Structures are given as structure tokens and as C-alpha cells.
Protein backbone atom coordinates (compact mmCIF):
# COMPACT_ATOMS: atom_id res chain seq x y z
CA MET A 1 2.80 9.69 -7.89
CA LYS A 2 4.45 11.60 -5.09
CA SER A 3 5.58 15.12 -5.89
CA ALA A 4 9.12 16.44 -6.33
CA SER A 5 10.76 19.58 -7.69
CA ALA A 6 10.59 20.42 -11.40
CA ASN A 7 14.26 19.48 -11.92
CA PHE A 8 14.04 16.15 -10.12
CA ASP A 9 15.04 13.55 -12.73
CA PRO A 10 16.12 10.16 -11.31
CA TYR A 11 16.88 8.76 -14.77
CA VAL A 12 19.91 10.93 -15.54
CA ASP A 13 23.41 10.37 -14.18
CA HIS A 14 23.02 11.47 -10.55
CA ARG A 15 24.36 9.84 -7.43
CA ARG A 16 21.68 8.05 -5.46
CA ALA A 17 21.04 9.47 -1.97
CA ALA A 18 19.11 7.79 0.84
CA ARG A 19 18.46 9.57 4.12
CA ALA A 20 16.89 8.61 7.44
CA THR A 21 15.16 11.31 9.45
CA ILE A 22 14.91 10.19 13.06
CA LEU A 23 11.66 11.18 14.78
CA PRO A 24 10.85 13.08 16.87
CA SER A 25 14.29 14.73 16.95
CA GLY A 26 14.48 15.46 13.20
CA VAL A 27 18.14 14.40 13.02
CA GLN A 28 18.98 13.33 9.46
CA VAL A 29 21.65 10.73 8.68
CA PRO A 30 22.69 8.89 5.50
CA ILE A 31 21.63 5.31 4.76
CA THR A 32 24.34 3.18 3.19
CA GLU A 33 22.34 0.11 2.14
CA GLY A 34 19.03 -1.66 2.55
CA SER A 35 15.56 -1.40 1.06
CA VAL A 36 11.96 -0.32 1.61
CA HIS A 37 9.23 -2.72 0.52
CA ILE A 38 5.65 -1.56 -0.10
CA ASP A 39 2.89 -4.14 -0.57
CA PRO A 40 -0.73 -2.92 -0.77
CA ASN A 41 -2.02 -6.46 -0.29
CA SER A 42 -0.24 -6.93 3.04
CA LEU A 43 -1.75 -6.05 6.43
CA ILE A 44 1.33 -3.90 7.09
CA ARG A 45 1.86 -1.98 3.84
CA SER A 46 5.39 -0.59 4.27
CA THR A 47 8.45 -2.24 5.81
CA GLY A 48 12.13 -1.38 5.74
CA ASP A 49 15.52 -2.79 6.60
CA PHE A 50 18.60 -0.61 6.24
CA THR A 51 22.04 0.29 7.56
CA ILE A 52 23.19 3.55 9.14
CA THR A 53 26.90 4.15 9.79
CA ASP A 54 28.27 6.06 12.76
CA ASP A 55 31.97 6.82 13.16
CA GLY A 56 31.35 7.51 16.84
CA THR A 57 30.64 11.21 16.45
CA LEU A 58 26.90 10.98 15.75
CA GLY A 59 25.96 9.37 19.05
CA LEU A 60 23.48 7.05 17.38
CA VAL A 61 24.56 3.72 18.88
CA PRO A 62 21.66 2.71 21.16
CA THR A 63 22.82 1.91 24.69
CA ASP A 64 19.60 2.83 26.51
CA SER A 65 15.87 2.45 25.89
CA GLN A 66 15.57 6.24 25.50
CA ASP A 67 18.14 6.46 22.71
CA ALA A 68 17.07 7.56 19.21
CA LEU A 69 17.51 4.17 17.51
CA ALA A 70 16.11 2.04 20.33
CA PRO A 71 12.85 0.26 19.41
CA PHE A 72 10.74 1.96 22.08
CA GLY A 73 8.45 4.29 20.14
CA ASN A 74 11.02 6.00 17.93
CA GLU A 75 10.31 6.32 14.22
CA ILE A 76 12.32 6.92 11.06
CA GLN A 77 11.17 8.61 7.88
CA VAL A 78 13.05 7.13 4.93
CA GLY A 79 13.78 9.37 1.95
CA LEU A 80 15.33 8.37 -1.36
CA GLY A 81 16.52 10.68 -4.10
CA ILE A 82 19.46 12.14 -5.94
CA GLU A 83 22.58 14.11 -5.17
CA ARG A 84 23.28 16.97 -7.58
CA ASP A 85 25.91 19.67 -7.57
CA ASP A 86 23.40 22.02 -5.94
CA GLY A 87 22.55 19.59 -3.12
CA ILE A 88 20.46 16.55 -2.23
CA GLU A 89 16.75 16.11 -2.95
CA THR A 90 14.85 13.13 -1.59
CA VAL A 91 11.28 11.88 -1.83
CA ARG A 92 9.78 10.29 1.26
CA LEU A 93 9.18 6.55 0.92
CA ALA A 94 7.79 5.59 4.33
CA THR A 95 7.42 6.52 7.98
CA LEU A 96 8.48 3.45 9.96
CA ARG A 97 8.39 2.62 13.64
CA ILE A 98 11.68 1.06 14.67
CA GLU A 99 11.12 -2.63 15.40
CA SER A 100 14.74 -3.64 15.98
CA SER A 101 18.25 -2.25 15.80
CA THR A 102 21.52 -4.18 15.77
CA THR A 103 24.96 -2.61 16.22
CA GLN A 104 27.89 -4.19 14.41
CA ASP A 105 31.42 -3.10 15.32
CA GLY A 106 34.10 -4.71 13.18
CA PRO A 107 37.38 -3.85 11.47
CA GLY A 108 35.68 -1.24 9.30
CA GLU A 109 32.99 1.29 10.11
CA LEU A 110 30.61 0.82 12.97
CA SER A 111 27.16 0.17 11.55
CA ILE A 112 23.62 0.02 12.91
CA ARG A 113 21.11 -2.22 11.15
CA VAL A 114 17.57 -0.94 11.62
CA SER A 115 14.29 -2.62 10.69
CA GLY A 116 10.91 -0.94 10.84
CA MET A 117 7.24 -1.20 9.96
CA ASP A 118 4.73 1.53 9.25
CA ARG A 119 2.33 2.88 11.88
CA ALA A 120 -0.20 0.14 11.18
CA GLN A 121 1.97 -2.20 13.24
CA ALA A 122 1.48 0.02 16.31
CA ILE A 123 -2.30 -0.18 15.81
CA SER A 124 -2.08 -3.95 15.38
CA ASP A 125 0.04 -4.33 18.52
CA ALA A 126 -2.56 -2.52 20.66
CA LYS A 127 -4.95 -5.48 20.82
CA PHE A 128 -8.43 -4.96 22.26
CA GLU A 129 -8.01 -5.41 26.01
CA GLU A 130 -11.71 -6.06 26.50
CA ALA A 131 -14.72 -6.81 24.32
CA TYR A 132 -15.39 -3.93 21.91
CA GLU A 133 -18.77 -2.89 20.49
CA ILE A 134 -19.87 -0.51 17.74
CA ALA A 135 -23.48 0.62 18.00
CA ASP A 136 -26.01 -0.10 15.25
CA GLY A 137 -26.31 2.89 12.91
CA THR A 138 -22.78 4.22 13.46
CA ASN A 139 -21.35 5.96 10.39
CA VAL A 140 -18.71 3.70 8.80
CA ILE A 141 -16.06 6.44 8.83
CA ASP A 142 -16.74 7.16 12.52
CA ALA A 143 -16.54 3.43 13.25
CA ILE A 144 -13.06 3.21 11.67
CA GLU A 145 -11.80 6.40 13.32
CA ASP A 146 -13.08 5.31 16.76
CA THR A 147 -11.41 1.92 16.39
CA LEU A 148 -8.05 3.45 15.45
CA ALA A 149 -8.29 6.06 18.21
CA LEU A 150 -8.41 3.29 20.82
CA ALA A 151 -4.85 2.40 19.85
CA ASN A 152 -3.64 5.93 19.10
CA PRO A 153 -5.87 8.92 19.94
CA GLU A 154 -3.44 11.25 18.12
CA ILE A 155 -3.59 9.43 14.80
CA LEU A 156 -3.67 11.62 11.67
CA THR A 157 -6.26 10.60 9.08
CA ASP A 158 -7.32 11.47 5.53
CA PHE A 159 -10.74 9.88 5.11
CA PRO A 160 -13.66 10.55 2.76
CA VAL A 161 -17.15 11.51 3.87
CA SER A 162 -19.70 8.69 3.76
CA GLU A 163 -23.42 8.33 4.30
CA PHE A 164 -23.23 4.60 5.01
CA THR A 165 -23.72 3.12 8.46
CA VAL A 166 -22.82 -0.24 9.97
CA PRO A 167 -24.90 -2.72 12.00
CA LYS A 168 -24.06 -3.53 15.60
CA LEU A 169 -20.56 -5.02 15.58
CA PHE A 170 -18.42 -6.79 18.14
CA ALA A 171 -14.74 -7.54 18.60
CA LEU A 172 -13.39 -9.92 21.19
CA GLU A 173 -10.75 -9.30 23.79
CA GLY A 174 -7.40 -9.92 22.13
CA ASP A 175 -8.62 -9.17 18.57
CA ASP A 176 -6.51 -7.02 16.28
CA PRO A 177 -7.92 -3.46 15.89
CA TRP A 178 -6.04 -2.83 12.63
CA GLU A 179 -7.48 -5.98 11.08
CA PHE A 180 -10.92 -4.97 12.37
CA ALA A 181 -10.58 -1.51 10.77
CA GLN A 182 -9.36 -3.11 7.52
CA LYS A 183 -12.52 -5.22 7.36
CA LEU A 184 -14.64 -2.11 7.83
CA ALA A 185 -12.86 -0.39 4.95
CA LYS A 186 -13.20 -3.45 2.72
CA ALA A 187 -16.94 -3.56 3.43
CA TYR A 188 -17.05 0.03 2.18
CA GLY A 189 -15.18 -0.86 -1.02
CA ALA A 190 -12.03 0.97 0.01
CA GLU A 191 -8.43 0.35 1.09
CA LEU A 192 -6.97 1.59 4.36
CA PHE A 193 -3.25 2.24 4.85
CA PHE A 194 -0.59 4.56 6.24
CA ASP A 195 1.05 6.71 3.56
CA ALA A 196 4.68 7.78 3.29
CA SER A 197 4.15 10.64 5.77
CA GLY A 198 2.49 8.42 8.37
CA VAL A 199 -1.06 9.63 7.70
CA CYS A 200 -3.80 6.98 7.75
CA VAL A 201 -5.51 7.15 4.36
CA MET A 202 -8.72 5.54 3.13
CA ARG A 203 -9.49 5.65 -0.57
CA PRO A 204 -11.35 3.65 -3.24
CA ILE A 205 -9.46 0.70 -4.69
CA VAL A 206 -7.82 1.97 -7.88
CA SER A 207 -9.00 1.00 -11.33
CA ALA A 208 -6.97 1.83 -14.43
CA THR A 209 -7.27 5.38 -15.76
CA THR A 210 -4.94 7.69 -17.69
CA PRO A 211 -1.28 6.73 -17.01
CA ALA A 212 0.75 9.14 -14.90
CA ALA A 213 4.11 7.50 -15.72
CA GLU A 214 5.68 5.06 -18.14
CA LEU A 215 7.56 1.80 -17.80
CA ASP A 216 9.39 1.71 -21.11
CA GLU A 217 12.52 -0.04 -22.38
CA ALA A 218 13.61 3.25 -23.97
CA VAL A 219 13.30 5.20 -20.71
CA ASN A 220 13.64 3.18 -17.51
CA LEU A 221 12.77 -0.50 -17.94
CA LEU A 222 15.63 -2.95 -17.30
CA SER A 223 13.90 -6.36 -17.36
CA ILE A 224 10.37 -7.69 -17.36
CA SER A 225 8.33 -10.88 -17.12
CA ARG A 226 4.73 -11.29 -18.21
CA ASP A 227 2.40 -13.79 -16.61
CA TRP A 228 -1.05 -14.86 -17.75
CA SER A 229 -3.24 -16.71 -15.24
CA ARG A 230 -6.89 -17.25 -14.36
CA GLN A 231 -6.02 -17.64 -10.70
CA ASP A 232 -7.36 -14.88 -8.42
CA THR A 233 -9.22 -13.31 -11.35
CA PHE A 234 -12.98 -12.72 -11.29
CA ASN A 235 -15.41 -10.80 -13.48
CA ARG A 236 -18.41 -10.49 -11.18
CA VAL A 237 -18.51 -9.85 -7.44
CA ILE A 238 -21.58 -10.58 -5.34
CA ALA A 239 -21.33 -8.93 -1.92
CA THR A 240 -23.77 -9.63 0.89
CA GLY A 241 -24.22 -8.69 4.52
CA GLU A 242 -24.51 -11.26 7.25
CA ASN A 243 -27.31 -9.51 9.13
CA VAL A 244 -30.88 -8.74 8.13
CA GLY A 245 -31.06 -5.13 6.90
CA ALA A 246 -33.87 -2.63 6.52
CA GLY A 247 -37.01 -4.25 5.15
CA GLY A 248 -36.09 -7.64 6.55
CA THR A 249 -33.77 -8.66 3.71
CA ILE A 250 -30.08 -9.50 3.54
CA PRO A 251 -28.09 -6.60 2.01
CA ARG A 252 -26.81 -7.53 -1.44
CA GLY A 253 -24.81 -5.82 -4.17
CA VAL A 254 -23.44 -6.97 -7.51
CA ALA A 255 -20.65 -5.51 -9.66
CA THR A 256 -19.86 -6.89 -13.12
CA ASP A 257 -17.05 -6.38 -15.61
CA GLU A 258 -19.15 -4.98 -18.45
CA ASP A 259 -16.28 -3.51 -20.46
CA SER A 260 -16.21 -5.35 -23.77
CA ASP A 261 -12.51 -4.40 -24.16
CA SER A 262 -11.60 -6.04 -20.87
CA PRO A 263 -9.88 -9.44 -20.99
CA THR A 264 -12.36 -10.61 -18.35
CA PHE A 265 -15.54 -9.26 -19.98
CA TYR A 266 -18.37 -11.06 -18.20
CA TYR A 267 -20.65 -11.43 -21.22
CA GLY A 268 -18.00 -12.68 -23.65
CA THR A 269 -18.63 -16.01 -25.38
CA GLY A 270 -16.75 -18.32 -27.69
CA VAL A 271 -13.03 -18.80 -28.30
CA GLY A 272 -10.91 -16.23 -26.49
CA ALA A 273 -13.60 -15.38 -23.93
CA PHE A 274 -12.67 -15.56 -20.25
CA GLY A 275 -16.06 -17.00 -19.28
CA ARG A 276 -18.13 -16.25 -16.22
CA LYS A 277 -16.31 -16.45 -12.91
CA PRO A 278 -18.08 -14.82 -9.96
CA MET A 279 -16.53 -14.06 -6.58
CA PHE A 280 -18.64 -14.06 -3.42
CA PHE A 281 -17.86 -11.66 -0.59
CA ALA A 282 -19.80 -11.68 2.68
CA SER A 283 -19.26 -9.38 5.65
CA GLU A 284 -21.14 -8.81 8.89
CA MET A 285 -20.13 -5.15 8.51
CA ILE A 286 -22.34 -4.54 5.45
CA ALA A 287 -25.63 -2.96 6.55
CA SER A 288 -27.38 -1.92 3.32
CA ASP A 289 -27.70 -2.70 -0.39
CA GLY A 290 -25.83 0.53 -1.18
CA MET A 291 -22.89 -0.45 1.00
CA ALA A 292 -22.92 -3.95 -0.53
CA GLU A 293 -22.73 -2.39 -3.99
CA GLU A 294 -19.72 -0.28 -2.95
CA ALA A 295 -18.03 -3.37 -1.49
CA ALA A 296 -18.68 -5.36 -4.67
CA ALA A 297 -17.37 -2.57 -6.91
CA GLY A 298 -14.22 -2.24 -4.81
CA GLN A 299 -13.42 -5.93 -5.01
CA LEU A 300 -14.15 -6.00 -8.74
CA ARG A 301 -11.64 -3.18 -9.31
CA ARG A 302 -9.03 -5.30 -7.58
CA PHE A 303 -9.72 -8.66 -9.23
CA ALA A 304 -11.22 -8.08 -12.70
CA GLY A 305 -8.84 -7.86 -15.62
CA VAL A 306 -5.88 -9.19 -13.67
CA SER A 307 -5.40 -12.29 -15.77
CA GLN A 308 -2.18 -10.54 -16.78
CA ARG A 309 0.48 -9.46 -14.28
CA ILE A 310 3.93 -8.06 -14.84
CA SER A 311 7.07 -8.27 -12.70
CA PHE A 312 9.80 -5.82 -13.55
CA GLU A 313 13.11 -4.22 -12.67
CA SER A 314 13.59 -0.58 -13.58
CA LEU A 315 15.66 2.47 -12.85
CA VAL A 316 14.77 3.80 -9.41
CA ASP A 317 12.03 6.42 -9.19
CA PRO A 318 11.06 7.16 -5.56
CA ARG A 319 8.02 9.12 -6.71
CA TRP A 320 6.23 5.90 -7.62
CA GLU A 321 3.79 4.24 -5.23
CA PRO A 322 1.25 1.40 -5.37
CA GLY A 323 -1.92 2.49 -7.10
CA ASP A 324 -0.13 4.65 -9.67
CA VAL A 325 -1.19 3.97 -13.24
CA VAL A 326 1.65 3.35 -15.72
CA ALA A 327 1.89 2.70 -19.45
CA VAL A 328 4.03 -0.40 -20.04
CA SER A 329 5.99 -0.94 -23.26
CA ARG A 330 8.29 -3.82 -24.15
CA ALA A 331 7.99 -4.62 -27.85
CA ARG A 332 9.71 -8.00 -27.77
CA ILE A 333 6.98 -9.52 -25.57
CA GLY A 334 4.16 -7.63 -27.24
CA LEU A 335 3.58 -4.82 -24.76
CA ILE A 336 2.82 -1.46 -26.37
CA GLN A 337 1.54 1.30 -24.10
CA GLU A 338 -0.52 -1.15 -22.06
CA THR A 339 -2.20 0.40 -19.01
CA HIS A 340 -1.29 -1.19 -15.68
CA VAL A 341 -1.62 -0.35 -11.99
CA LEU A 342 1.47 -0.61 -9.79
CA GLU A 343 1.26 -3.07 -6.91
CA GLU A 344 4.30 -4.25 -4.93
CA LEU A 345 7.41 -2.06 -5.05
CA THR A 346 10.86 -2.56 -3.54
CA PHE A 347 13.17 0.46 -3.42
CA PRO A 348 16.91 -0.21 -2.99
CA LEU A 349 18.60 2.31 -0.69
CA GLY A 350 22.19 1.49 -1.57
CA ALA A 351 24.06 1.14 -4.85
CA GLU A 352 21.87 -1.63 -6.33
CA SER A 353 21.14 -1.28 -10.03
CA GLY A 354 17.37 -0.97 -9.96
CA MET A 355 14.04 -1.15 -8.18
CA SER A 356 11.69 -4.08 -8.57
CA GLY A 357 7.94 -4.31 -8.60
CA SER A 358 4.78 -5.82 -10.02
CA THR A 359 1.68 -4.55 -11.77
CA ARG A 360 -1.81 -5.68 -12.58
CA LEU A 361 -3.68 -5.07 -15.82
CA THR A 362 -7.15 -3.63 -15.32
CA ARG A 363 -9.82 -2.38 -17.66
CA VAL A 364 -12.91 -1.98 -15.52
CA THR A 365 -15.87 0.37 -15.87
CA ALA A 366 -17.71 -0.59 -12.65
């Protein structure tokens, strides 16, 4: 969860406040309606579409490519929070590059509709202009940082330290550098994304741990649906490289759901058992058995135990983000303090009643 002050409580009777901070100027203006959508399974994690009003005194109507809301390199940080008697407090949802802006001048207020995508879109746009090569033995973190720096040498990163290296790799002229970097992260068993502040983060794919928040009908839950499905659910991942590694063998790693309390326990038999369902993941970016094991474990954390998913609407809490672990309770459909990981989230920026999202159930020890 993102941090806020000790007296930040979005569940009591406060007026909702959404603010856009225009970068690089730092000018802050209110947002009247719209939403921010965050999807960890999408190539571009955060997107937004929202309306800013200008009575003519703010000077925000774009009439030139250099203007603050013109889609020529300007960005907006979107914050959502509450308005109290002592002022407004917001929590940052996303840092978005402006992709388009439309001015509407009618009988009422003049409004500017802005849409944006996070900084990954700028990396994706900067396609390789010639064939690109990564040397054999390059550290995987260096390989990702070098790839991103081609598109933006000033990119801010928060990456772990790794001992793993990659084999010689190639990208073709016209390939997408963000997609290339995503594949490198996936081969390392991690996810790569831009966070709410615009920093490029790489971290392990989250498995369920102790809940940091609750989704409860007595606190914040408005409606819920519960779905059981075998689709896109696996309980063993076998990851392999596509090049011969050290010792003349193909790198290989296996991760298995060995938690007997998991709904997808690999070794379960009889009635009620999920059965064995392996997933196979191959990547030319895997150079060693150790890296293959990390890749397998990362994919298992994403796909094991997810035979149950939840879609919900709740009171808005801008501190939430994908990857947070929540305890879900809804007695009427049999949910009592069940541990889930947040996935997609949509935050309303106007007067809508609630936020919507989805979760996945995971109980994985790998």
C-alpha cells in the first residue's frame, strides 16, 4: 500500500478530491471527472482519462505545441484523496504522459479532456532504429537498464541486485524496447513497471503473505462476484532456455505448488483435487539453471492457486495498488478472511460511488 498521513481515512464522510499536477511546471489543478486504470498484466500498466475545467483564467487551453496540456512530452501526476476542514490530502495514483487533449467549449464551463499513459509508453514508442545486441555474459539488470536507457537515458529505476547473466541476445530494427525489457524481467522471474511516481521498478511477482488491508462488507465492500475456473491456472512451471548453457545442456528450472493447503496442490489426488497441470515457459533470455528456476518460480506465483478470482466494487482507497495483499470477507458467498492479491484497479476521479477491481487467490510456497 502507498503511504498517507496518520489521519487519512477515505472511509469516513469526506469530500473526494482529485488533483492533476502538470509536469514539469508543478501547476496543480482540480479534476472534475474521469478515472485511472491500473492493470499489472498489461504492457502499459497505468492509463488515465479525465476532465480539467478552465474558466479562462488558468491559461490551460492548449493552442500551441509548447503549451502545458499539449501532447508533446508533457506529463501529469494524478492524485486522489479527501478534502477535510484542514485542507486537501491526496495520494498519487500515476504519472502519465499526455497522449491527447480535447477542448470542449459549450454553454457551461470550458473543459479539457486529457488522456495519458505511464512512462512505459514513451519507452515503447522509441523503437529500435537499428539492430540491437546484448553481449553474452551481460548481467541481467545491466541488460534491462541499458535497453531502457536507449529510449530515455534519464530514466529513474529501482532495481534489485542480481548475479544472473544473459546469453547473447538480439533485437531487430523496429522492435519494441519496452517489450524486450519485459521479456528480460520475466526470464528473471520478476515484473517490470513504472510506479505512481514514474520510477521504473522491478520486483518479484507477488505471492500471498500477511494481508495489509481488508475488503470487508462491514468496512468498505459494496458488491462482489466470485468466479471459479481452471482456465489460466497451473500448479507446476517448467522453464527452459533456448540456447545451450554451461556444460552443454539446455538451462532448465522447475517450480511446483507443494502447499497442501493450496487449491492447486500438485500432489493432490482423488475427489476435490485439482490434478496435475504443468505450464511450459521457454525464453532465449534464460542462460542458466538458476535463472530458469527463478523464472519458473515467478510464473508459478502468478498462476498457481488462481482457480478463484474476485471482482469487486468498494469505497475508494487511493492507497491501494496491484500486488497488495488483502483479506476478503463476504459471508453470504462464503468468504471469511480469505487472502487475495489485488490485480486490476480502476479509481474514479469524480463523484462515482466506488472503485472497482479484481483479485486472485494464491497460496504458494515456491
